[in-house]
Every structure is written in structure tokens, then in C-alpha cells.
Amino acid sequence: MKNLLLLVCLLLSQLGGRAQTPAAGPVKKTVKDFPHTGEPPMPPVKPILDTPLRDASICLGPDKTYYLTGTIGPDFMVSNEGIKVWKSKDMKTWEPLGLVWSIERDGTWQKQWTVKNGNRRRALWAPKSATSTATSLLPTASRDWARVCSKAPPAGPKGPT
């Protein structure tokens, strides 16, 4: 049995020595260079907002209106104003509700700037909309990894009451 195990290990070690030859250089292909796998090509993307937005969150409020929020601004992890919200009945046309939670106005514990690597920072990111028949909430991450939560009346997540 020991001899058989030794023989298998020797054979496996010989097979492992045959590696692929490395590529001649970096591959410079994009998604467009690969053929479709029976799927139709992606349609052109038309922006629905004029504000840079990432970490998008959409929820359906008790008023049958969709609410959209997310991290705003091009310097999302460094500096932004707070939380903006948009509303829509059809998820195609979005009406801005404005800045519903402002660091300056509402962030009593968040107003100070921190310094990281010599750069000043103050931002909120990844807000999420959540509604129920009783309350609408806007939890979000902040510079010190704490969570803030804005509470709104049942009409929808339109900001603090």
C-alpha cells in the first residue's frame, strides 16, 4: 500500500511540472472584443439624473411612489453635502426632492472635518431608503463608520421631521 501511494505521488509530481507558457504581453481587450453568447448586445445607456450618483437605493413608499437615493458627488468618499432624494411614479422620470439631510444643517455630530493622509474629509455614503407604513428611514455610513438614521413621516422618505 505504501508503494502504491509513493507511485501515485511520483506520477502526480511529474504532471505538475508542465506549466502553461506565459502570455507574450498584457491582454488589451475590452468587453466589446468578445462575441455575444446568444444574448442581444447591451442597449445604449441614457442617464436618468444630472447628478453623479453611486450606491443607488430605490424603495417603494407607502404612497406608491418610488424613492431613489445614493452617494452623491464626484468626491463621494471625501466630501459631499449629505443625502439627496428623488421620487418617481414610473421609475423613468425622477423629480428631485432636494437635499433631505444636510451635514451642515442636520449633522450636529458630523460637522467637523477629519484629516486623513493630509486631506480634509467629511462625507456620507451609501444611504439606503427603507419604508414601512409607520416610518421611513435613511440609514447611511459616515466618516467614522457610524450609522446615522433620518426618520420621516409615513408620507415617504423626504427627510427628517
N, C-alpha and C. Protein backbone atom coordinates (compact mmCIF):
# COMPACT_ATOMS: atom_id res chain seq x y z
N MET A 1 0.82 -1.19 0.00
CA MET A 1 0.00 0.00 0.00
C MET A 1 0.86 1.25 0.00
N LYS A 2 1.97 1.21 0.80
CA LYS A 2 2.86 2.36 0.84
C LYS A 2 3.52 2.58 -0.52
N ASN A 3 3.86 1.48 -1.19
CA ASN A 3 4.50 1.60 -2.51
C ASN A 3 3.53 2.21 -3.54
N LEU A 4 2.27 1.81 -3.45
CA LEU A 4 1.27 2.35 -4.37
C LEU A 4 1.09 3.85 -4.14
N LEU A 5 1.03 4.26 -2.88
CA LEU A 5 0.90 5.68 -2.54
C LEU A 5 2.11 6.46 -3.03
N LEU A 6 3.30 5.89 -2.87
CA LEU A 6 4.52 6.54 -3.34
C LEU A 6 4.50 6.68 -4.86
N LEU A 7 4.05 5.66 -5.55
CA LEU A 7 3.98 5.70 -7.01
C LEU A 7 3.00 6.78 -7.49
N VAL A 8 1.84 6.88 -6.86
CA VAL A 8 0.85 7.90 -7.22
C VAL A 8 1.42 9.29 -6.98
N CYS A 9 2.09 9.50 -5.86
CA CYS A 9 2.68 10.81 -5.56
C CYS A 9 3.74 11.17 -6.59
N LEU A 10 4.56 10.21 -7.00
CA LEU A 10 5.59 10.48 -8.02
C LEU A 10 4.96 10.85 -9.36
N LEU A 11 3.92 10.13 -9.75
CA LEU A 11 3.25 10.43 -11.01
C LEU A 11 2.61 11.82 -10.97
N LEU A 12 1.97 12.14 -9.87
CA LEU A 12 1.34 13.46 -9.75
C LEU A 12 2.37 14.57 -9.76
N SER A 13 3.52 14.34 -9.15
CA SER A 13 4.55 15.39 -9.14
C SER A 13 5.09 15.63 -10.54
N GLN A 14 5.14 14.61 -11.38
CA GLN A 14 5.61 14.78 -12.75
C GLN A 14 4.59 15.54 -13.60
N LEU A 15 3.31 15.32 -13.34
CA LEU A 15 2.28 16.04 -14.08
C LEU A 15 2.26 17.52 -13.72
N GLY A 16 2.55 17.85 -12.49
CA GLY A 16 2.51 19.23 -12.04
C GLY A 16 3.61 20.08 -12.63
N GLY A 17 4.65 19.50 -13.18
CA GLY A 17 5.78 20.26 -13.70
C GLY A 17 5.54 20.87 -15.06
N ARG A 18 4.42 20.61 -15.68
CA ARG A 18 4.15 21.12 -17.03
C ARG A 18 3.22 22.33 -16.94
N ALA A 19 3.79 23.49 -16.81
CA ALA A 19 3.01 24.72 -16.68
C ALA A 19 2.75 25.34 -18.04
N GLN A 20 1.75 26.19 -18.10
CA GLN A 20 1.47 26.93 -19.33
C GLN A 20 2.57 27.95 -19.56
N THR A 21 2.81 28.24 -20.82
CA THR A 21 3.76 29.31 -21.10
C THR A 21 3.06 30.64 -20.88
N PRO A 22 3.75 31.62 -20.30
CA PRO A 22 3.11 32.91 -20.04
C PRO A 22 2.77 33.64 -21.33
N ALA A 23 1.80 34.53 -21.26
CA ALA A 23 1.41 35.33 -22.41
C ALA A 23 2.54 36.26 -22.81
N ALA A 24 2.59 36.62 -24.08
CA ALA A 24 3.66 37.48 -24.58
C ALA A 24 3.61 38.87 -23.98
N GLY A 25 2.45 39.33 -23.61
CA GLY A 25 2.29 40.66 -23.03
C GLY A 25 0.91 40.80 -22.44
N PRO A 26 0.60 41.95 -21.90
CA PRO A 26 -0.73 42.14 -21.32
C PRO A 26 -1.81 42.09 -22.39
N VAL A 27 -2.92 41.50 -22.04
CA VAL A 27 -4.05 41.41 -22.95
C VAL A 27 -4.80 42.73 -22.91
N LYS A 28 -5.00 43.33 -24.07
CA LYS A 28 -5.66 44.63 -24.15
C LYS A 28 -7.00 44.48 -24.85
N LYS A 29 -7.90 43.75 -24.23
CA LYS A 29 -9.23 43.57 -24.80
C LYS A 29 -10.26 44.14 -23.84
N THR A 30 -11.36 44.57 -24.41
CA THR A 30 -12.47 45.06 -23.61
C THR A 30 -13.65 44.13 -23.82
N VAL A 31 -14.73 44.40 -23.13
CA VAL A 31 -15.93 43.57 -23.25
C VAL A 31 -16.42 43.53 -24.69
N LYS A 32 -16.26 44.63 -25.43
CA LYS A 32 -16.73 44.69 -26.81
C LYS A 32 -15.96 43.75 -27.74
N ASP A 33 -14.76 43.33 -27.33
CA ASP A 33 -13.95 42.45 -28.17
C ASP A 33 -14.40 40.98 -28.10
N PHE A 34 -15.26 40.65 -27.16
CA PHE A 34 -15.68 39.27 -27.00
C PHE A 34 -17.04 39.07 -27.66
N PRO A 35 -17.24 37.95 -28.34
CA PRO A 35 -18.52 37.72 -29.02
C PRO A 35 -19.64 37.52 -28.00
N HIS A 36 -20.85 37.86 -28.43
CA HIS A 36 -22.01 37.65 -27.57
C HIS A 36 -22.30 36.16 -27.49
N THR A 37 -22.82 35.74 -26.38
CA THR A 37 -23.13 34.32 -26.18
C THR A 37 -24.62 34.09 -26.34
N GLY A 38 -25.15 34.49 -27.48
CA GLY A 38 -26.57 34.30 -27.73
C GLY A 38 -27.44 35.40 -27.13
N GLU A 39 -26.85 36.33 -26.40
CA GLU A 39 -27.59 37.43 -25.79
C GLU A 39 -27.56 38.63 -26.73
N PRO A 40 -28.60 39.45 -26.70
CA PRO A 40 -28.53 40.67 -27.51
C PRO A 40 -27.51 41.63 -26.91
N PRO A 41 -26.92 42.50 -27.73
CA PRO A 41 -25.95 43.45 -27.20
C PRO A 41 -26.63 44.43 -26.25
N MET A 42 -25.85 45.00 -25.34
CA MET A 42 -26.37 45.98 -24.38
C MET A 42 -26.87 47.22 -25.12
N PRO A 43 -28.04 47.72 -24.75
CA PRO A 43 -28.53 48.96 -25.38
C PRO A 43 -27.74 50.15 -24.85
N PRO A 44 -27.78 51.27 -25.56
CA PRO A 44 -27.10 52.47 -25.05
C PRO A 44 -27.72 52.90 -23.72
N VAL A 45 -26.90 53.43 -22.85
CA VAL A 45 -27.36 53.86 -21.54
C VAL A 45 -27.64 55.36 -21.56
N LYS A 46 -28.83 55.74 -21.12
CA LYS A 46 -29.20 57.15 -21.04
C LYS A 46 -29.34 57.51 -19.56
N PRO A 47 -28.57 58.49 -19.08
CA PRO A 47 -28.66 58.86 -17.67
C PRO A 47 -30.06 59.36 -17.30
N ILE A 48 -30.50 59.01 -16.09
CA ILE A 48 -31.81 59.48 -15.63
C ILE A 48 -31.67 60.67 -14.68
N LEU A 49 -30.45 60.97 -14.24
CA LEU A 49 -30.20 62.09 -13.34
C LEU A 49 -29.07 62.94 -13.89
N ASP A 50 -29.02 64.19 -13.47
CA ASP A 50 -27.90 65.04 -13.85
C ASP A 50 -26.89 65.17 -12.71
N THR A 51 -27.06 64.37 -11.67
CA THR A 51 -26.17 64.38 -10.50
C THR A 51 -25.37 63.09 -10.48
N PRO A 52 -24.05 63.15 -10.27
CA PRO A 52 -23.28 61.91 -10.10
C PRO A 52 -23.83 61.14 -8.89
N LEU A 53 -24.14 59.86 -9.08
CA LEU A 53 -24.75 59.05 -8.02
C LEU A 53 -24.18 57.64 -8.07
N ARG A 54 -23.77 57.13 -6.94
CA ARG A 54 -23.36 55.73 -6.82
C ARG A 54 -24.00 55.14 -5.58
N ASP A 55 -23.89 53.85 -5.39
CA ASP A 55 -24.52 53.14 -4.27
C ASP A 55 -26.03 53.39 -4.25
N ALA A 56 -26.65 53.36 -5.42
CA ALA A 56 -28.07 53.71 -5.54
C ALA A 56 -28.96 52.77 -4.73
N SER A 57 -30.02 53.33 -4.17
CA SER A 57 -31.01 52.58 -3.41
C SER A 57 -32.39 53.10 -3.79
N ILE A 58 -33.28 52.19 -4.19
CA ILE A 58 -34.64 52.56 -4.56
C ILE A 58 -35.60 51.76 -3.69
N CYS A 59 -36.62 52.44 -3.18
CA CYS A 59 -37.66 51.72 -2.44
C CYS A 59 -39.03 52.26 -2.85
N LEU A 60 -40.03 51.44 -2.65
CA LEU A 60 -41.41 51.83 -2.92
C LEU A 60 -42.03 52.29 -1.61
N GLY A 61 -42.45 53.55 -1.57
CA GLY A 61 -43.04 54.10 -0.35
C GLY A 61 -44.50 53.71 -0.20
N PRO A 62 -45.07 53.94 0.99
CA PRO A 62 -46.47 53.60 1.22
C PRO A 62 -47.43 54.42 0.36
N ASP A 63 -46.93 55.51 -0.22
CA ASP A 63 -47.75 56.33 -1.12
C ASP A 63 -47.66 55.86 -2.56
N LYS A 64 -47.12 54.65 -2.79
CA LYS A 64 -46.96 54.05 -4.12
C LYS A 64 -46.03 54.87 -5.01
N THR A 65 -45.09 55.57 -4.41
CA THR A 65 -44.09 56.35 -5.11
C THR A 65 -42.73 55.72 -4.84
N TYR A 66 -41.89 55.66 -5.88
CA TYR A 66 -40.53 55.15 -5.72
C TYR A 66 -39.62 56.28 -5.25
N TYR A 67 -38.72 55.96 -4.34
CA TYR A 67 -37.76 56.93 -3.83
C TYR A 67 -36.35 56.42 -4.11
N LEU A 68 -35.52 57.30 -4.65
CA LEU A 68 -34.15 56.98 -5.03
C LEU A 68 -33.19 57.83 -4.22
N THR A 69 -32.16 57.21 -3.70
CA THR A 69 -31.09 57.94 -3.03
C THR A 69 -29.79 57.21 -3.31
N GLY A 70 -28.70 57.79 -2.91
CA GLY A 70 -27.39 57.18 -3.11
C GLY A 70 -26.30 58.16 -2.71
N THR A 71 -25.07 57.74 -2.89
CA THR A 71 -23.94 58.60 -2.58
C THR A 71 -23.81 59.64 -3.69
N ILE A 72 -23.75 60.91 -3.31
CA ILE A 72 -23.73 61.99 -4.31
C ILE A 72 -22.34 62.58 -4.45
N GLY A 73 -22.11 63.15 -5.62
CA GLY A 73 -20.89 63.92 -5.85
C GLY A 73 -19.74 63.12 -6.42
N PRO A 74 -18.85 63.80 -7.12
CA PRO A 74 -17.70 63.13 -7.71
C PRO A 74 -16.65 62.71 -6.69
N ASP A 75 -16.56 63.41 -5.56
CA ASP A 75 -15.61 63.05 -4.50
C ASP A 75 -16.36 62.40 -3.35
N PHE A 76 -17.08 61.32 -3.66
CA PHE A 76 -18.04 60.73 -2.74
C PHE A 76 -17.47 60.33 -1.39
N MET A 77 -16.23 59.88 -1.31
CA MET A 77 -15.67 59.45 -0.03
C MET A 77 -14.92 60.56 0.68
N VAL A 78 -14.77 61.70 0.05
CA VAL A 78 -14.01 62.80 0.62
C VAL A 78 -14.92 63.91 1.11
N SER A 79 -15.83 64.33 0.26
CA SER A 79 -16.67 65.47 0.62
C SER A 79 -17.97 65.43 -0.17
N ASN A 80 -19.08 65.58 0.52
CA ASN A 80 -20.37 65.81 -0.13
C ASN A 80 -21.29 66.55 0.83
N GLU A 81 -22.44 66.94 0.33
CA GLU A 81 -23.35 67.78 1.12
C GLU A 81 -24.18 66.99 2.12
N GLY A 82 -24.48 65.74 1.81
CA GLY A 82 -25.35 64.94 2.66
C GLY A 82 -26.13 63.95 1.83
N ILE A 83 -27.45 63.92 1.99
CA ILE A 83 -28.30 62.94 1.30
C ILE A 83 -29.34 63.66 0.45
N LYS A 84 -29.35 63.34 -0.84
CA LYS A 84 -30.39 63.84 -1.75
C LYS A 84 -31.33 62.69 -2.07
N VAL A 85 -32.59 63.03 -2.33
CA VAL A 85 -33.61 62.03 -2.66
C VAL A 85 -34.38 62.50 -3.89
N TRP A 86 -34.74 61.55 -4.75
CA TRP A 86 -35.58 61.80 -5.92
C TRP A 86 -36.80 60.89 -5.80
N LYS A 87 -37.93 61.28 -6.43
CA LYS A 87 -39.12 60.44 -6.41
C LYS A 87 -39.63 60.22 -7.83
N SER A 88 -40.36 59.11 -8.01
CA SER A 88 -40.89 58.77 -9.33
C SER A 88 -42.09 57.85 -9.17
N LYS A 89 -43.04 57.99 -10.06
CA LYS A 89 -44.19 57.08 -10.11
C LYS A 89 -43.93 55.91 -11.05
N ASP A 90 -43.01 56.11 -12.04
CA ASP A 90 -42.79 55.09 -13.06
C ASP A 90 -41.35 54.58 -13.15
N MET A 91 -40.45 55.07 -12.32
CA MET A 91 -39.03 54.72 -12.31
C MET A 91 -38.32 55.13 -13.61
N LYS A 92 -38.93 56.02 -14.38
CA LYS A 92 -38.30 56.53 -15.59
C LYS A 92 -38.03 58.02 -15.48
N THR A 93 -38.99 58.74 -14.94
CA THR A 93 -38.87 60.19 -14.76
C THR A 93 -38.74 60.45 -13.26
N TRP A 94 -37.64 61.12 -12.88
CA TRP A 94 -37.35 61.34 -11.46
C TRP A 94 -37.41 62.82 -11.13
N GLU A 95 -38.14 63.15 -10.08
CA GLU A 95 -38.27 64.53 -9.60
C GLU A 95 -37.40 64.70 -8.36
N PRO A 96 -36.52 65.70 -8.35
CA PRO A 96 -35.66 65.87 -7.17
C PRO A 96 -36.45 66.42 -5.98
N LEU A 97 -36.23 65.82 -4.81
CA LEU A 97 -36.79 66.35 -3.57
C LEU A 97 -35.76 67.21 -2.86
N GLY A 98 -34.55 67.23 -3.39
CA GLY A 98 -33.51 68.08 -2.84
C GLY A 98 -32.67 67.39 -1.79
N LEU A 99 -31.94 68.20 -1.07
CA LEU A 99 -31.05 67.74 -0.01
C LEU A 99 -31.90 67.52 1.24
N VAL A 100 -32.25 66.26 1.52
CA VAL A 100 -33.15 65.97 2.64
C VAL A 100 -32.41 65.83 3.97
N TRP A 101 -31.11 65.57 3.90
CA TRP A 101 -30.29 65.51 5.12
C TRP A 101 -28.97 66.17 4.80
N SER A 102 -28.71 67.28 5.47
CA SER A 102 -27.51 68.07 5.22
C SER A 102 -26.54 67.91 6.37
N ILE A 103 -25.26 67.74 6.05
CA ILE A 103 -24.25 67.66 7.10
C ILE A 103 -24.24 68.95 7.90
N GLU A 104 -24.30 70.08 7.22
CA GLU A 104 -24.27 71.38 7.91
C GLU A 104 -25.51 71.61 8.76
N ARG A 105 -26.68 71.31 8.21
CA ARG A 105 -27.95 71.60 8.89
C ARG A 105 -28.31 70.55 9.93
N ASP A 106 -28.15 69.26 9.58
CA ASP A 106 -28.67 68.18 10.42
C ASP A 106 -27.60 67.38 11.15
N GLY A 107 -26.37 67.45 10.71
CA GLY A 107 -25.32 66.61 11.27
C GLY A 107 -24.60 67.25 12.44
N THR A 108 -25.28 67.39 13.55
CA THR A 108 -24.68 68.08 14.69
C THR A 108 -23.39 67.40 15.15
N TRP A 109 -23.30 66.09 15.07
CA TRP A 109 -22.11 65.34 15.48
C TRP A 109 -21.17 65.10 14.31
N GLN A 110 -21.56 65.50 13.11
CA GLN A 110 -20.81 65.19 11.90
C GLN A 110 -20.18 66.42 11.25
N LYS A 111 -20.38 67.60 11.80
CA LYS A 111 -19.95 68.83 11.14
C LYS A 111 -18.44 68.97 11.03
N GLN A 112 -17.71 68.45 11.99
CA GLN A 112 -16.26 68.63 11.96
C GLN A 112 -15.64 67.80 10.83
N TRP A 113 -14.56 68.33 10.29
CA TRP A 113 -13.81 67.66 9.24
C TRP A 113 -12.74 66.80 9.89
N THR A 114 -12.44 65.66 9.29
CA THR A 114 -11.31 64.85 9.75
C THR A 114 -10.19 65.00 8.72
N VAL A 115 -8.99 64.63 9.12
CA VAL A 115 -7.85 64.71 8.22
C VAL A 115 -7.28 63.30 8.08
N LYS A 116 -7.15 62.84 6.85
CA LYS A 116 -6.56 61.53 6.56
C LYS A 116 -5.55 61.71 5.45
N ASN A 117 -4.33 61.30 5.68
CA ASN A 117 -3.23 61.46 4.72
C ASN A 117 -3.08 62.91 4.28
N GLY A 118 -3.32 63.83 5.20
CA GLY A 118 -3.16 65.25 4.90
C GLY A 118 -4.34 65.87 4.18
N ASN A 119 -5.39 65.09 3.89
CA ASN A 119 -6.56 65.60 3.18
C ASN A 119 -7.75 65.72 4.13
N ARG A 120 -8.47 66.84 4.02
CA ARG A 120 -9.68 67.02 4.81
C ARG A 120 -10.81 66.18 4.23
N ARG A 121 -11.61 65.57 5.12
CA ARG A 121 -12.69 64.70 4.69
C ARG A 121 -13.94 64.95 5.53
N ARG A 122 -15.07 64.90 4.84
CA ARG A 122 -16.37 64.94 5.53
C ARG A 122 -17.41 64.52 4.51
N ALA A 123 -17.93 63.33 4.66
CA ALA A 123 -18.88 62.82 3.67
C ALA A 123 -19.77 61.74 4.27
N LEU A 124 -20.92 61.55 3.66
CA LEU A 124 -21.80 60.43 3.96
C LEU A 124 -21.88 59.60 2.69
N TRP A 125 -21.96 58.28 2.83
CA TRP A 125 -22.06 57.47 1.63
C TRP A 125 -22.95 56.26 1.88
N ALA A 126 -23.41 55.70 0.80
CA ALA A 126 -24.26 54.51 0.77
C ALA A 126 -25.55 54.65 1.57
N PRO A 127 -26.31 55.75 1.41
CA PRO A 127 -27.60 55.81 2.09
C PRO A 127 -28.56 54.80 1.48
N LYS A 128 -29.42 54.27 2.29
CA LYS A 128 -30.42 53.29 1.84
C LYS A 128 -31.80 53.76 2.26
N SER A 129 -32.76 53.65 1.38
CA SER A 129 -34.15 54.00 1.71
C SER A 129 -34.86 52.76 2.20
N ALA A 130 -35.60 52.91 3.27
CA ALA A 130 -36.41 51.81 3.79
C ALA A 130 -37.70 52.41 4.31
N THR A 131 -38.83 51.86 3.90
CA THR A 131 -40.11 52.41 4.36
C THR A 131 -40.99 51.31 4.90
N SER A 132 -41.88 51.71 5.76
CA SER A 132 -42.96 50.84 6.24
C SER A 132 -44.20 51.72 6.30
N THR A 133 -45.29 51.19 6.77
CA THR A 133 -46.49 52.02 6.85
C THR A 133 -46.37 53.05 7.96
N ALA A 134 -45.45 52.86 8.89
CA ALA A 134 -45.34 53.78 10.02
C ALA A 134 -44.22 54.80 9.85
N THR A 135 -43.10 54.41 9.27
CA THR A 135 -41.92 55.27 9.27
C THR A 135 -41.10 55.04 8.02
N SER A 136 -40.39 56.07 7.59
CA SER A 136 -39.40 55.95 6.53
C SER A 136 -38.03 56.24 7.13
N LEU A 137 -37.04 55.43 6.78
CA LEU A 137 -35.71 55.57 7.36
C LEU A 137 -34.67 55.78 6.27
N LEU A 138 -33.63 56.54 6.58
CA LEU A 138 -32.49 56.74 5.68
C LEU A 138 -31.20 56.44 6.42
N PRO A 139 -30.82 55.16 6.56
CA PRO A 139 -29.53 54.87 7.19
C PRO A 139 -28.39 55.13 6.22
N THR A 140 -27.22 55.50 6.72
CA THR A 140 -26.07 55.79 5.86
C THR A 140 -24.78 55.60 6.63
N ALA A 141 -23.68 55.44 5.93
CA ALA A 141 -22.36 55.34 6.55
C ALA A 141 -21.74 56.73 6.59
N SER A 142 -20.90 56.97 7.58
CA SER A 142 -20.25 58.27 7.71
C SER A 142 -18.75 58.09 7.85
N ARG A 143 -18.04 59.19 8.03
CA ARG A 143 -16.58 59.19 8.05
C ARG A 143 -16.00 58.30 9.14
N ASP A 144 -16.71 58.14 10.25
CA ASP A 144 -16.18 57.32 11.34
C ASP A 144 -16.87 55.96 11.42
N TRP A 145 -17.47 55.55 10.32
CA TRP A 145 -18.14 54.26 10.17
C TRP A 145 -19.37 54.12 11.06
N ALA A 146 -19.81 55.20 11.66
CA ALA A 146 -21.05 55.16 12.43
C ALA A 146 -22.22 55.16 11.45
N ARG A 147 -23.38 54.95 11.96
CA ARG A 147 -24.57 55.00 11.12
C ARG A 147 -25.45 56.14 11.60
N VAL A 148 -26.00 56.87 10.65
CA VAL A 148 -27.00 57.87 11.00
C VAL A 148 -28.32 57.38 10.46
N CYS A 149 -29.37 57.85 11.02
CA CYS A 149 -30.67 57.41 10.56
C CYS A 149 -31.62 58.58 10.60
N SER A 150 -32.14 58.94 9.47
CA SER A 150 -33.11 60.03 9.38
C SER A 150 -34.50 59.42 9.38
N LYS A 151 -35.37 59.95 10.18
CA LYS A 151 -36.72 59.40 10.32
C LYS A 151 -37.72 60.39 9.73
N ALA A 152 -38.61 59.89 8.89
CA ALA A 152 -39.59 60.76 8.24
C ALA A 152 -41.00 60.24 8.51
N PRO A 153 -42.03 61.06 8.29
CA PRO A 153 -43.41 60.62 8.49
C PRO A 153 -43.82 59.60 7.43
N PRO A 154 -44.97 58.95 7.59
CA PRO A 154 -45.40 57.90 6.66
C PRO A 154 -45.54 58.34 5.21
N ALA A 155 -45.58 59.62 4.91
CA ALA A 155 -45.74 60.08 3.52
C ALA A 155 -44.57 59.69 2.64
N GLY A 156 -43.44 59.32 3.19
CA GLY A 156 -42.30 58.88 2.39
C GLY A 156 -41.00 59.41 2.93
N PRO A 157 -39.88 58.91 2.40
CA PRO A 157 -38.56 59.29 2.91
C PRO A 157 -38.11 60.64 2.36
N LYS A 158 -38.72 61.70 2.82
CA LYS A 158 -38.43 63.04 2.30
C LYS A 158 -37.56 63.85 3.25
N GLY A 159 -37.03 63.23 4.28
CA GLY A 159 -36.14 63.95 5.18
C GLY A 159 -36.62 63.89 6.61
N PRO A 160 -35.81 64.43 7.53
CA PRO A 160 -36.15 64.36 8.95
C PRO A 160 -37.38 65.20 9.29
N THR A 161 -38.08 64.77 10.32
CA THR A 161 -39.25 65.52 10.77
C THR A 161 -38.90 66.39 11.95
